[in-house]
Amino acid sequence: MGFILFLIIGIFVGWAAGMLVKGHGFGGIVDLIVGVIGSVLGGFIFDLFGVVTYGLWGSIATSVIGAIVFLGVLALFKGSSANKKAIF
């Protein structure tokens, strides 16, 4: 049950990050990938700065922030310099 909940949260987190950054989600599989990578990256970033979160909502917030950072880094490497736009 824990793994299924992890996947559901990953899909939600990827979708939420897509909505905040691009204005739309990316589709189920890509949302899941973005959410899982965001969870790992967010955990690393929060640990790096000594920030501790508790519970489900803390995990979701950590994951969304990590996914937004991940999408921001991807935007830096995507496309030509004439085609880049600010994401925030």
C-alpha atoms as a PDB file:
ATOM      1  CA  MET A   1       0.000   0.000   0.000  1.00  0.00           C
ATOM      2  CA  GLY A   2       2.874   2.380   0.726  1.00  0.00           C
ATOM      3  CA  PHE A   3       4.286   2.050  -2.800  1.00  0.00           C
ATOM      4  CA  ILE A   4       0.911   2.768  -4.387  1.00  0.00           C
ATOM      5  CA  LEU A   5       0.505   5.840  -2.190  1.00  0.00           C
ATOM      6  CA  PHE A   6       4.021   6.948  -3.202  1.00  0.00           C
ATOM      7  CA  LEU A   7       3.059   6.687  -6.890  1.00  0.00           C
ATOM      8  CA  ILE A   8      -0.214   8.555  -6.375  1.00  0.00           C
ATOM      9  CA  ILE A   9       1.584  11.339  -4.515  1.00  0.00           C
ATOM     10  CA  GLY A  10       4.247  11.393  -7.255  1.00  0.00           C
ATOM     11  CA  ILE A  11       1.593  11.894  -9.940  1.00  0.00           C
ATOM     12  CA  PHE A  12      -0.058  14.649  -7.908  1.00  0.00           C
ATOM     13  CA  VAL A  13       3.258  16.384  -7.205  1.00  0.00           C
ATOM     14  CA  GLY A  14       4.309  16.250 -10.866  1.00  0.00           C
ATOM     15  CA  TRP A  15       0.954  17.630 -11.928  1.00  0.00           C
ATOM     16  CA  ALA A  16       1.079  20.408  -9.299  1.00  0.00           C
ATOM     17  CA  ALA A  17       4.610  21.409 -10.320  1.00  0.00           C
ATOM     18  CA  GLY A  18       3.568  21.435 -13.980  1.00  0.00           C
ATOM     19  CA  MET A  19       0.583  23.644 -13.139  1.00  0.00           C
ATOM     20  CA  LEU A  20       2.782  26.078 -11.206  1.00  0.00           C
ATOM     21  CA  VAL A  21       5.570  26.227 -13.786  1.00  0.00           C
ATOM     22  CA  LYS A  22       3.888  25.662 -17.163  1.00  0.00           C
ATOM     23  CA  GLY A  23       0.191  26.143 -16.475  1.00  0.00           C
ATOM     24  CA  HIS A  24      -0.696  22.510 -17.297  1.00  0.00           C
ATOM     25  CA  GLY A  25       0.327  18.996 -16.385  1.00  0.00           C
ATOM     26  CA  PHE A  26       2.499  16.833 -18.606  1.00  0.00           C
ATOM     27  CA  GLY A  27       0.445  13.624 -18.657  1.00  0.00           C
ATOM     28  CA  GLY A  28       0.341  10.751 -16.184  1.00  0.00           C
ATOM     29  CA  ILE A  29       3.684   9.067 -16.823  1.00  0.00           C
ATOM     30  CA  VAL A  30       5.721  12.275 -17.107  1.00  0.00           C
ATOM     31  CA  ASP A  31       3.945  13.739 -14.068  1.00  0.00           C
ATOM     32  CA  LEU A  32       4.941  10.598 -12.153  1.00  0.00           C
ATOM     33  CA  ILE A  33       8.574  10.886 -13.269  1.00  0.00           C
ATOM     34  CA  VAL A  34       8.720  14.598 -12.409  1.00  0.00           C
ATOM     35  CA  GLY A  35       7.095  13.901  -9.036  1.00  0.00           C
ATOM     36  CA  VAL A  36       9.505  11.108  -8.107  1.00  0.00           C
ATOM     37  CA  ILE A  37      12.570  13.090  -9.188  1.00  0.00           C
ATOM     38  CA  GLY A  38      11.146  16.119  -7.357  1.00  0.00           C
ATOM     39  CA  SER A  39      10.737  14.058  -4.189  1.00  0.00           C
ATOM     40  CA  VAL A  40      14.350  12.960  -4.251  1.00  0.00           C
ATOM     41  CA  LEU A  41      15.680  16.388  -5.203  1.00  0.00           C
ATOM     42  CA  GLY A  42      13.475  18.180  -2.657  1.00  0.00           C
ATOM     43  CA  GLY A  43      14.621  15.823   0.091  1.00  0.00           C
ATOM     44  CA  PHE A  44      18.240  16.476  -0.847  1.00  0.00           C
ATOM     45  CA  ILE A  45      17.767  20.263  -0.941  1.00  0.00           C
ATOM     46  CA  PHE A  46      15.882  20.370   2.365  1.00  0.00           C
ATOM     47  CA  ASP A  47      18.507  18.144   4.000  1.00  0.00           C
ATOM     48  CA  LEU A  48      21.279  20.364   2.607  1.00  0.00           C
ATOM     49  CA  PHE A  49      19.741  23.420   4.291  1.00  0.00           C
ATOM     50  CA  GLY A  50      18.757  21.558   7.460  1.00  0.00           C
ATOM     51  CA  VAL A  51      15.017  21.980   6.909  1.00  0.00           C
ATOM     52  CA  VAL A  52      12.853  19.257   8.454  1.00  0.00           C
ATOM     53  CA  THR A  53       9.245  18.579   7.470  1.00  0.00           C
ATOM     54  CA  TYR A  54       6.786  16.210   9.101  1.00  0.00           C
ATOM     55  CA  GLY A  55       3.777  14.292   7.889  1.00  0.00           C
ATOM     56  CA  LEU A  56       2.091  13.946   4.548  1.00  0.00           C
ATOM     57  CA  TRP A  57       1.772  17.674   3.861  1.00  0.00           C
ATOM     58  CA  GLY A  58       5.437  18.267   4.645  1.00  0.00           C
ATOM     59  CA  SER A  59       6.404  15.514   2.224  1.00  0.00           C
ATOM     60  CA  ILE A  60       4.143  16.945  -0.465  1.00  0.00           C
ATOM     61  CA  ALA A  61       5.563  20.457   0.018  1.00  0.00           C
ATOM     62  CA  THR A  62       9.128  19.118  -0.131  1.00  0.00           C
ATOM     63  CA  SER A  63       8.344  17.158  -3.286  1.00  0.00           C
ATOM     64  CA  VAL A  64       6.598  20.053  -5.047  1.00  0.00           C
ATOM     65  CA  ILE A  65       9.505  22.395  -4.318  1.00  0.00           C
ATOM     66  CA  GLY A  66      11.964  19.777  -5.574  1.00  0.00           C
ATOM     67  CA  ALA A  67       9.895  19.213  -8.732  1.00  0.00           C
ATOM     68  CA  ILE A  68       9.747  22.951  -9.418  1.00  0.00           C
ATOM     69  CA  VAL A  69      13.527  23.191  -9.039  1.00  0.00           C
ATOM     70  CA  PHE A  70      13.896  20.178 -11.354  1.00  0.00           C
ATOM     71  CA  LEU A  71      11.650  21.750 -14.015  1.00  0.00           C
ATOM     72  CA  GLY A  72      13.533  25.037 -13.667  1.00  0.00           C
ATOM     73  CA  VAL A  73      16.864  23.316 -14.261  1.00  0.00           C
ATOM     74  CA  LEU A  74      15.397  21.472 -17.254  1.00  0.00           C
ATOM     75  CA  ALA A  75      14.162  24.779 -18.681  1.00  0.00           C
ATOM     76  CA  LEU A  76      17.697  26.170 -18.511  1.00  0.00           C
ATOM     77  CA  PHE A  77      19.020  23.385 -20.717  1.00  0.00           C
ATOM     78  CA  LYS A  78      16.081  23.181 -23.116  1.00  0.00           C
ATOM     79  CA  GLY A  79      16.001  25.005 -26.432  1.00  0.00           C
ATOM     80  CA  SER A  80      18.099  27.782 -27.888  1.00  0.00           C
ATOM     81  CA  SER A  81      18.830  31.029 -26.099  1.00  0.00           C
ATOM     82  CA  ALA A  82      16.428  32.914 -28.410  1.00  0.00           C
ATOM     83  CA  ASN A  83      13.637  30.542 -27.418  1.00  0.00           C
ATOM     84  CA  LYS A  84      14.119  30.657 -23.624  1.00  0.00           C
ATOM     85  CA  LYS A  85      11.561  32.324 -21.407  1.00  0.00           C
ATOM     86  CA  ALA A  86      11.591  32.976 -17.688  1.00  0.00           C
ATOM     87  CA  ILE A  87       9.672  30.283 -15.874  1.00  0.00           C
ATOM     88  CA  PHE A  88       8.930  32.293 -12.742  1.00  0.00           C
END
